[in-house]
Amino acid sequence: MPQWAPGGTPSHHPRPRAAWSRQARQAAARAEPIVAGAGLLLSAAASSVPGLLGLYGILATLGFSAASGVTAGLVVRHWFTERRGLAFGLVESGFGAGQFVFTPLSLFLIEAYGWRTTLVIEGILLVAAVGPSTSPAP
């Protein structure tokens, strides 16, 4: 007999959220921009293509992928009980707005200062600006 997961959907396995406590999920959310920012900062110092692939292709991408739409959807599902559709719409539109702003900005910075300096600037922005904004709500 299937168990019923939150939201009324049948589940043949324990609820996924039971694997992590609330504190563990919050710690992971706070670590995401720091991991991505560290990956960008370290990538700027890479002295070889394999080093760049390891630092940017694995470390930075790990941090970026943790802040994906799937993760954002889970956060919205757990943090918002009322007006969940509005919250989800705002989160998803933020992804598009971020690409709309940061892609041309990145191209401008690369053209003006080079790719290494651009990685440093973007890494600092992630760690200093985005990192503190992921602190848990009271």
N, C-alpha and C. Protein backbone atom coordinates (compact mmCIF):
# COMPACT_ATOMS: atom_id res chain seq x y z
N MET A 1 0.84 -1.17 0.00
CA MET A 1 0.00 0.00 0.00
C MET A 1 0.89 1.24 0.00
N PRO A 2 0.71 2.16 -0.95
CA PRO A 2 1.58 3.33 -0.99
C PRO A 2 1.30 4.30 0.15
N GLN A 3 2.36 4.98 0.56
CA GLN A 3 2.21 6.05 1.53
C GLN A 3 1.80 7.30 0.76
N TRP A 4 1.17 8.23 1.45
CA TRP A 4 0.78 9.47 0.80
C TRP A 4 1.73 10.57 1.23
N ALA A 5 2.39 11.18 0.24
CA ALA A 5 3.33 12.27 0.49
C ALA A 5 2.55 13.57 0.62
N PRO A 6 3.20 14.63 1.17
CA PRO A 6 2.53 15.93 1.25
C PRO A 6 2.08 16.38 -0.14
N GLY A 7 0.92 16.93 -0.22
CA GLY A 7 0.38 17.37 -1.49
C GLY A 7 -0.57 16.36 -2.10
N GLY A 8 -0.75 15.20 -1.41
CA GLY A 8 -1.71 14.22 -1.86
C GLY A 8 -1.23 13.29 -2.95
N THR A 9 0.07 13.18 -3.19
CA THR A 9 0.57 12.29 -4.23
C THR A 9 1.07 11.01 -3.59
N PRO A 10 0.82 9.86 -4.23
CA PRO A 10 1.29 8.61 -3.64
C PRO A 10 2.80 8.49 -3.72
N SER A 11 3.39 7.88 -2.74
CA SER A 11 4.82 7.70 -2.70
C SER A 11 5.13 6.30 -2.20
N HIS A 12 5.99 5.59 -2.90
CA HIS A 12 6.37 4.25 -2.50
C HIS A 12 7.67 4.24 -1.72
N HIS A 13 8.16 5.38 -1.39
CA HIS A 13 9.40 5.50 -0.63
C HIS A 13 9.25 6.63 0.38
N PRO A 14 10.13 6.69 1.38
CA PRO A 14 10.01 7.78 2.36
C PRO A 14 10.11 9.15 1.69
N ARG A 15 9.52 10.09 2.33
CA ARG A 15 9.55 11.45 1.79
C ARG A 15 10.99 11.92 1.61
N PRO A 16 11.31 12.56 0.46
CA PRO A 16 12.68 13.01 0.22
C PRO A 16 13.18 14.00 1.26
N ARG A 17 12.29 14.85 1.76
CA ARG A 17 12.75 15.86 2.69
C ARG A 17 13.11 15.27 4.05
N ALA A 18 12.69 14.05 4.32
CA ALA A 18 13.02 13.43 5.59
C ALA A 18 14.51 13.13 5.69
N ALA A 19 15.19 13.08 4.56
CA ALA A 19 16.62 12.76 4.57
C ALA A 19 17.44 13.91 5.15
N TRP A 20 16.98 15.11 5.03
CA TRP A 20 17.74 16.26 5.53
C TRP A 20 16.90 17.02 6.53
N SER A 21 17.53 17.47 7.58
CA SER A 21 16.83 18.31 8.53
C SER A 21 16.74 19.73 7.97
N ARG A 22 15.92 20.53 8.58
CA ARG A 22 15.79 21.93 8.14
C ARG A 22 17.12 22.67 8.24
N GLN A 23 17.87 22.40 9.31
CA GLN A 23 19.16 23.06 9.49
C GLN A 23 20.15 22.64 8.40
N ALA A 24 20.12 21.38 8.02
CA ALA A 24 21.03 20.90 6.97
C ALA A 24 20.68 21.54 5.63
N ARG A 25 19.39 21.68 5.32
CA ARG A 25 18.99 22.33 4.07
C ARG A 25 19.40 23.80 4.07
N GLN A 26 19.24 24.47 5.20
CA GLN A 26 19.64 25.88 5.28
C GLN A 26 21.15 26.03 5.14
N ALA A 27 21.90 25.15 5.75
CA ALA A 27 23.36 25.20 5.63
C ALA A 27 23.79 24.97 4.18
N ALA A 28 23.13 24.04 3.50
CA ALA A 28 23.45 23.79 2.10
C ALA A 28 23.10 25.00 1.24
N ALA A 29 21.97 25.65 1.52
CA ALA A 29 21.58 26.84 0.75
C ALA A 29 22.57 27.98 0.96
N ARG A 30 23.09 28.12 2.17
CA ARG A 30 24.09 29.16 2.44
C ARG A 30 25.42 28.84 1.78
N ALA A 31 25.73 27.56 1.60
CA ALA A 31 27.02 27.16 1.03
C ALA A 31 27.06 27.29 -0.49
N GLU A 32 25.90 27.24 -1.15
CA GLU A 32 25.86 27.25 -2.61
C GLU A 32 26.59 28.44 -3.23
N PRO A 33 26.27 29.69 -2.87
CA PRO A 33 26.99 30.80 -3.51
C PRO A 33 28.46 30.86 -3.10
N ILE A 34 28.79 30.35 -1.94
CA ILE A 34 30.18 30.35 -1.51
C ILE A 34 30.99 29.34 -2.32
N VAL A 35 30.42 28.18 -2.56
CA VAL A 35 31.10 27.17 -3.38
C VAL A 35 31.26 27.68 -4.81
N ALA A 36 30.20 28.26 -5.38
CA ALA A 36 30.29 28.79 -6.74
C ALA A 36 31.29 29.94 -6.81
N GLY A 37 31.24 30.85 -5.83
CA GLY A 37 32.17 31.97 -5.81
C GLY A 37 33.61 31.52 -5.64
N ALA A 38 33.83 30.55 -4.78
CA ALA A 38 35.19 30.01 -4.59
C ALA A 38 35.67 29.35 -5.88
N GLY A 39 34.77 28.66 -6.56
CA GLY A 39 35.14 28.05 -7.83
C GLY A 39 35.55 29.09 -8.86
N LEU A 40 34.84 30.21 -8.91
CA LEU A 40 35.21 31.29 -9.83
C LEU A 40 36.53 31.93 -9.45
N LEU A 41 36.71 32.21 -8.17
CA LEU A 41 37.96 32.83 -7.72
C LEU A 41 39.16 31.93 -7.97
N LEU A 42 39.02 30.66 -7.67
CA LEU A 42 40.13 29.73 -7.89
C LEU A 42 40.37 29.49 -9.38
N SER A 43 39.31 29.54 -10.19
CA SER A 43 39.47 29.36 -11.63
C SER A 43 40.31 30.47 -12.24
N ALA A 44 40.22 31.67 -11.68
CA ALA A 44 41.01 32.79 -12.19
C ALA A 44 42.50 32.54 -12.03
N ALA A 45 42.88 31.70 -11.07
CA ALA A 45 44.29 31.42 -10.84
C ALA A 45 44.75 30.14 -11.52
N ALA A 46 43.90 29.49 -12.28
CA ALA A 46 44.25 28.23 -12.94
C ALA A 46 45.39 28.46 -13.93
N SER A 47 46.36 27.55 -13.91
CA SER A 47 47.51 27.70 -14.80
C SER A 47 47.51 26.69 -15.94
N SER A 48 46.48 25.85 -16.00
CA SER A 48 46.40 24.86 -17.07
C SER A 48 44.93 24.61 -17.41
N VAL A 49 44.73 24.04 -18.58
CA VAL A 49 43.36 23.72 -18.99
C VAL A 49 42.74 22.67 -18.07
N PRO A 50 43.46 21.58 -17.71
CA PRO A 50 42.85 20.63 -16.77
C PRO A 50 42.52 21.27 -15.41
N GLY A 51 43.36 22.19 -14.96
CA GLY A 51 43.07 22.90 -13.71
C GLY A 51 41.81 23.75 -13.83
N LEU A 52 41.68 24.43 -14.97
CA LEU A 52 40.48 25.25 -15.21
C LEU A 52 39.24 24.37 -15.30
N LEU A 53 39.36 23.24 -15.97
CA LEU A 53 38.23 22.33 -16.08
C LEU A 53 37.82 21.79 -14.71
N GLY A 54 38.79 21.51 -13.87
CA GLY A 54 38.48 21.00 -12.54
C GLY A 54 37.85 22.05 -11.66
N LEU A 55 38.43 23.25 -11.67
CA LEU A 55 37.94 24.30 -10.77
C LEU A 55 36.63 24.91 -11.25
N TYR A 56 36.57 25.28 -12.52
CA TYR A 56 35.33 25.88 -13.02
C TYR A 56 34.32 24.81 -13.40
N GLY A 57 34.80 23.80 -14.12
CA GLY A 57 33.90 22.78 -14.64
C GLY A 57 33.29 21.90 -13.57
N ILE A 58 33.96 21.75 -12.44
CA ILE A 58 33.41 20.90 -11.38
C ILE A 58 33.00 21.73 -10.16
N LEU A 59 33.94 22.48 -9.57
CA LEU A 59 33.65 23.20 -8.33
C LEU A 59 32.60 24.30 -8.52
N ALA A 60 32.85 25.20 -9.46
CA ALA A 60 31.90 26.31 -9.68
C ALA A 60 30.55 25.77 -10.17
N THR A 61 30.60 24.79 -11.06
CA THR A 61 29.35 24.23 -11.57
C THR A 61 28.56 23.53 -10.48
N LEU A 62 29.25 22.90 -9.55
CA LEU A 62 28.57 22.28 -8.42
C LEU A 62 27.79 23.32 -7.62
N GLY A 63 28.40 24.46 -7.35
CA GLY A 63 27.71 25.54 -6.64
C GLY A 63 26.57 26.12 -7.44
N PHE A 64 26.77 26.31 -8.74
CA PHE A 64 25.70 26.85 -9.59
C PHE A 64 24.54 25.89 -9.71
N SER A 65 24.84 24.62 -9.86
CA SER A 65 23.76 23.65 -10.03
C SER A 65 22.95 23.47 -8.76
N ALA A 66 23.56 23.71 -7.61
CA ALA A 66 22.82 23.62 -6.36
C ALA A 66 21.80 24.74 -6.25
N ALA A 67 22.00 25.82 -7.00
CA ALA A 67 21.04 26.93 -7.00
C ALA A 67 20.17 26.88 -8.25
N SER A 68 19.82 25.68 -8.68
CA SER A 68 19.05 25.50 -9.91
C SER A 68 17.55 25.69 -9.66
N GLY A 69 16.79 25.57 -10.74
CA GLY A 69 15.34 25.69 -10.64
C GLY A 69 14.71 24.61 -9.79
N VAL A 70 15.30 23.41 -9.81
CA VAL A 70 14.77 22.32 -8.99
C VAL A 70 14.92 22.66 -7.51
N THR A 71 16.10 23.12 -7.14
CA THR A 71 16.34 23.51 -5.75
C THR A 71 15.43 24.67 -5.36
N ALA A 72 15.30 25.65 -6.24
CA ALA A 72 14.43 26.79 -5.95
C ALA A 72 12.98 26.34 -5.78
N GLY A 73 12.55 25.40 -6.61
CA GLY A 73 11.19 24.87 -6.48
C GLY A 73 10.97 24.19 -5.14
N LEU A 74 11.96 23.44 -4.68
CA LEU A 74 11.85 22.80 -3.37
C LEU A 74 11.80 23.82 -2.24
N VAL A 75 12.60 24.87 -2.36
CA VAL A 75 12.59 25.92 -1.34
C VAL A 75 11.24 26.59 -1.29
N VAL A 76 10.70 26.94 -2.45
CA VAL A 76 9.38 27.58 -2.49
C VAL A 76 8.33 26.66 -1.90
N ARG A 77 8.40 25.39 -2.22
CA ARG A 77 7.41 24.42 -1.72
C ARG A 77 7.44 24.34 -0.20
N HIS A 78 8.63 24.40 0.39
CA HIS A 78 8.75 24.24 1.84
C HIS A 78 8.57 25.55 2.61
N TRP A 79 8.88 26.68 1.99
CA TRP A 79 8.83 27.95 2.72
C TRP A 79 7.52 28.70 2.55
N PHE A 80 6.78 28.43 1.47
CA PHE A 80 5.57 29.19 1.20
C PHE A 80 4.37 28.26 1.20
N THR A 81 3.39 28.58 2.05
CA THR A 81 2.16 27.80 2.06
C THR A 81 1.04 28.57 1.37
N GLU A 82 1.05 29.86 1.51
CA GLU A 82 0.08 30.70 0.82
C GLU A 82 0.79 31.42 -0.32
N ARG A 83 0.08 31.64 -1.38
CA ARG A 83 0.60 32.35 -2.56
C ARG A 83 1.86 31.69 -3.10
N ARG A 84 1.86 30.38 -3.07
CA ARG A 84 3.01 29.59 -3.54
C ARG A 84 3.26 29.82 -5.04
N GLY A 85 2.18 29.94 -5.81
CA GLY A 85 2.33 30.16 -7.25
C GLY A 85 3.03 31.47 -7.55
N LEU A 86 2.68 32.52 -6.82
CA LEU A 86 3.33 33.82 -7.00
C LEU A 86 4.81 33.72 -6.64
N ALA A 87 5.12 33.07 -5.52
CA ALA A 87 6.51 32.93 -5.10
C ALA A 87 7.31 32.15 -6.14
N PHE A 88 6.73 31.07 -6.65
CA PHE A 88 7.43 30.27 -7.64
C PHE A 88 7.64 31.06 -8.93
N GLY A 89 6.63 31.82 -9.35
CA GLY A 89 6.76 32.65 -10.54
C GLY A 89 7.85 33.70 -10.41
N LEU A 90 7.95 34.32 -9.23
CA LEU A 90 9.00 35.32 -9.01
C LEU A 90 10.39 34.67 -9.02
N VAL A 91 10.51 33.50 -8.40
CA VAL A 91 11.80 32.81 -8.39
C VAL A 91 12.23 32.45 -9.81
N GLU A 92 11.32 31.86 -10.56
CA GLU A 92 11.65 31.44 -11.92
C GLU A 92 11.95 32.63 -12.83
N SER A 93 11.23 33.74 -12.66
CA SER A 93 11.52 34.92 -13.48
C SER A 93 12.86 35.52 -13.10
N GLY A 94 13.29 35.30 -11.86
CA GLY A 94 14.61 35.78 -11.44
C GLY A 94 15.73 35.11 -12.19
N PHE A 95 15.55 33.84 -12.55
CA PHE A 95 16.58 33.14 -13.33
C PHE A 95 16.76 33.81 -14.69
N GLY A 96 15.64 34.10 -15.36
CA GLY A 96 15.71 34.76 -16.66
C GLY A 96 16.27 36.17 -16.55
N ALA A 97 15.85 36.90 -15.52
CA ALA A 97 16.35 38.26 -15.34
C ALA A 97 17.85 38.25 -15.05
N GLY A 98 18.31 37.26 -14.29
CA GLY A 98 19.73 37.15 -14.01
C GLY A 98 20.54 36.91 -15.27
N GLN A 99 20.06 36.05 -16.14
CA GLN A 99 20.75 35.81 -17.40
C GLN A 99 20.69 37.06 -18.29
N PHE A 100 19.58 37.75 -18.25
CA PHE A 100 19.42 38.96 -19.06
C PHE A 100 20.42 40.04 -18.63
N VAL A 101 20.72 40.11 -17.34
CA VAL A 101 21.64 41.13 -16.82
C VAL A 101 23.08 40.66 -16.85
N PHE A 102 23.34 39.46 -16.35
CA PHE A 102 24.72 39.04 -16.13
C PHE A 102 25.44 38.54 -17.38
N THR A 103 24.73 38.05 -18.37
CA THR A 103 25.42 37.62 -19.59
C THR A 103 26.05 38.81 -20.30
N PRO A 104 25.31 39.89 -20.60
CA PRO A 104 25.96 41.04 -21.23
C PRO A 104 27.01 41.69 -20.32
N LEU A 105 26.74 41.72 -19.01
CA LEU A 105 27.72 42.29 -18.09
C LEU A 105 29.02 41.49 -18.11
N SER A 106 28.90 40.18 -18.11
CA SER A 106 30.09 39.33 -18.17
C SER A 106 30.85 39.54 -19.47
N LEU A 107 30.14 39.63 -20.57
CA LEU A 107 30.81 39.87 -21.85
C LEU A 107 31.52 41.21 -21.87
N PHE A 108 30.88 42.23 -21.30
CA PHE A 108 31.51 43.54 -21.21
C PHE A 108 32.79 43.48 -20.35
N LEU A 109 32.69 42.85 -19.19
CA LEU A 109 33.84 42.76 -18.30
C LEU A 109 34.99 41.96 -18.93
N ILE A 110 34.66 40.88 -19.63
CA ILE A 110 35.70 40.10 -20.30
C ILE A 110 36.40 40.95 -21.36
N GLU A 111 35.63 41.68 -22.13
CA GLU A 111 36.21 42.53 -23.17
C GLU A 111 37.07 43.64 -22.56
N ALA A 112 36.61 44.22 -21.47
CA ALA A 112 37.32 45.35 -20.86
C ALA A 112 38.51 44.92 -20.00
N TYR A 113 38.36 43.84 -19.22
CA TYR A 113 39.39 43.50 -18.24
C TYR A 113 40.01 42.12 -18.39
N GLY A 114 39.44 41.27 -19.24
CA GLY A 114 39.95 39.92 -19.41
C GLY A 114 39.15 38.92 -18.58
N TRP A 115 39.26 37.65 -18.96
CA TRP A 115 38.43 36.64 -18.32
C TRP A 115 38.83 36.36 -16.88
N ARG A 116 40.11 36.47 -16.55
CA ARG A 116 40.54 36.20 -15.18
C ARG A 116 39.97 37.25 -14.20
N THR A 117 40.09 38.50 -14.58
CA THR A 117 39.57 39.57 -13.72
C THR A 117 38.04 39.47 -13.61
N THR A 118 37.39 39.09 -14.69
CA THR A 118 35.94 38.91 -14.66
C THR A 118 35.54 37.82 -13.68
N LEU A 119 36.29 36.70 -13.69
CA LEU A 119 36.00 35.64 -12.74
C LEU A 119 36.19 36.11 -11.30
N VAL A 120 37.20 36.91 -11.05
CA VAL A 120 37.43 37.44 -9.71
C VAL A 120 36.28 38.36 -9.29
N ILE A 121 35.88 39.26 -10.17
CA ILE A 121 34.78 40.18 -9.86
C ILE A 121 33.49 39.41 -9.57
N GLU A 122 33.16 38.46 -10.42
CA GLU A 122 31.93 37.70 -10.23
C GLU A 122 32.01 36.79 -9.00
N GLY A 123 33.19 36.24 -8.72
CA GLY A 123 33.36 35.42 -7.52
C GLY A 123 33.17 36.24 -6.26
N ILE A 124 33.72 37.44 -6.24
CA ILE A 124 33.56 38.32 -5.08
C ILE A 124 32.09 38.71 -4.91
N LEU A 125 31.41 39.02 -6.02
CA LEU A 125 29.98 39.35 -5.94
C LEU A 125 29.17 38.20 -5.36
N LEU A 126 29.46 37.00 -5.79
CA LEU A 126 28.72 35.84 -5.27
C LEU A 126 28.94 35.67 -3.78
N VAL A 127 30.20 35.73 -3.36
CA VAL A 127 30.51 35.49 -1.94
C VAL A 127 30.04 36.66 -1.07
N ALA A 128 30.26 37.89 -1.52
CA ALA A 128 29.96 39.06 -0.68
C ALA A 128 28.50 39.51 -0.75
N ALA A 129 27.87 39.38 -1.91
CA ALA A 129 26.50 39.89 -2.04
C ALA A 129 25.44 38.80 -1.94
N VAL A 130 25.63 37.70 -2.63
CA VAL A 130 24.63 36.65 -2.64
C VAL A 130 24.73 35.79 -1.39
N GLY A 131 25.94 35.51 -0.96
CA GLY A 131 26.13 34.67 0.24
C GLY A 131 25.36 35.14 1.45
N PRO A 132 25.50 36.40 1.87
CA PRO A 132 24.75 36.86 3.04
C PRO A 132 23.23 36.89 2.84
N SER A 133 22.78 37.00 1.60
CA SER A 133 21.34 37.05 1.36
C SER A 133 20.67 35.69 1.50
N THR A 134 21.45 34.61 1.64
CA THR A 134 20.87 33.29 1.78
C THR A 134 20.76 32.87 3.24
N SER A 135 20.92 33.82 4.16
CA SER A 135 20.77 33.48 5.57
C SER A 135 19.32 33.12 5.85
N PRO A 136 19.08 32.23 6.81
CA PRO A 136 17.71 31.77 7.05
C PRO A 136 16.80 32.87 7.57
N ALA A 137 15.56 32.74 7.24
CA ALA A 137 14.55 33.69 7.73
C ALA A 137 14.31 33.44 9.21
N PRO A 138 14.02 34.49 10.00
CA PRO A 138 13.79 34.30 11.43
C PRO A 138 12.54 33.51 11.72
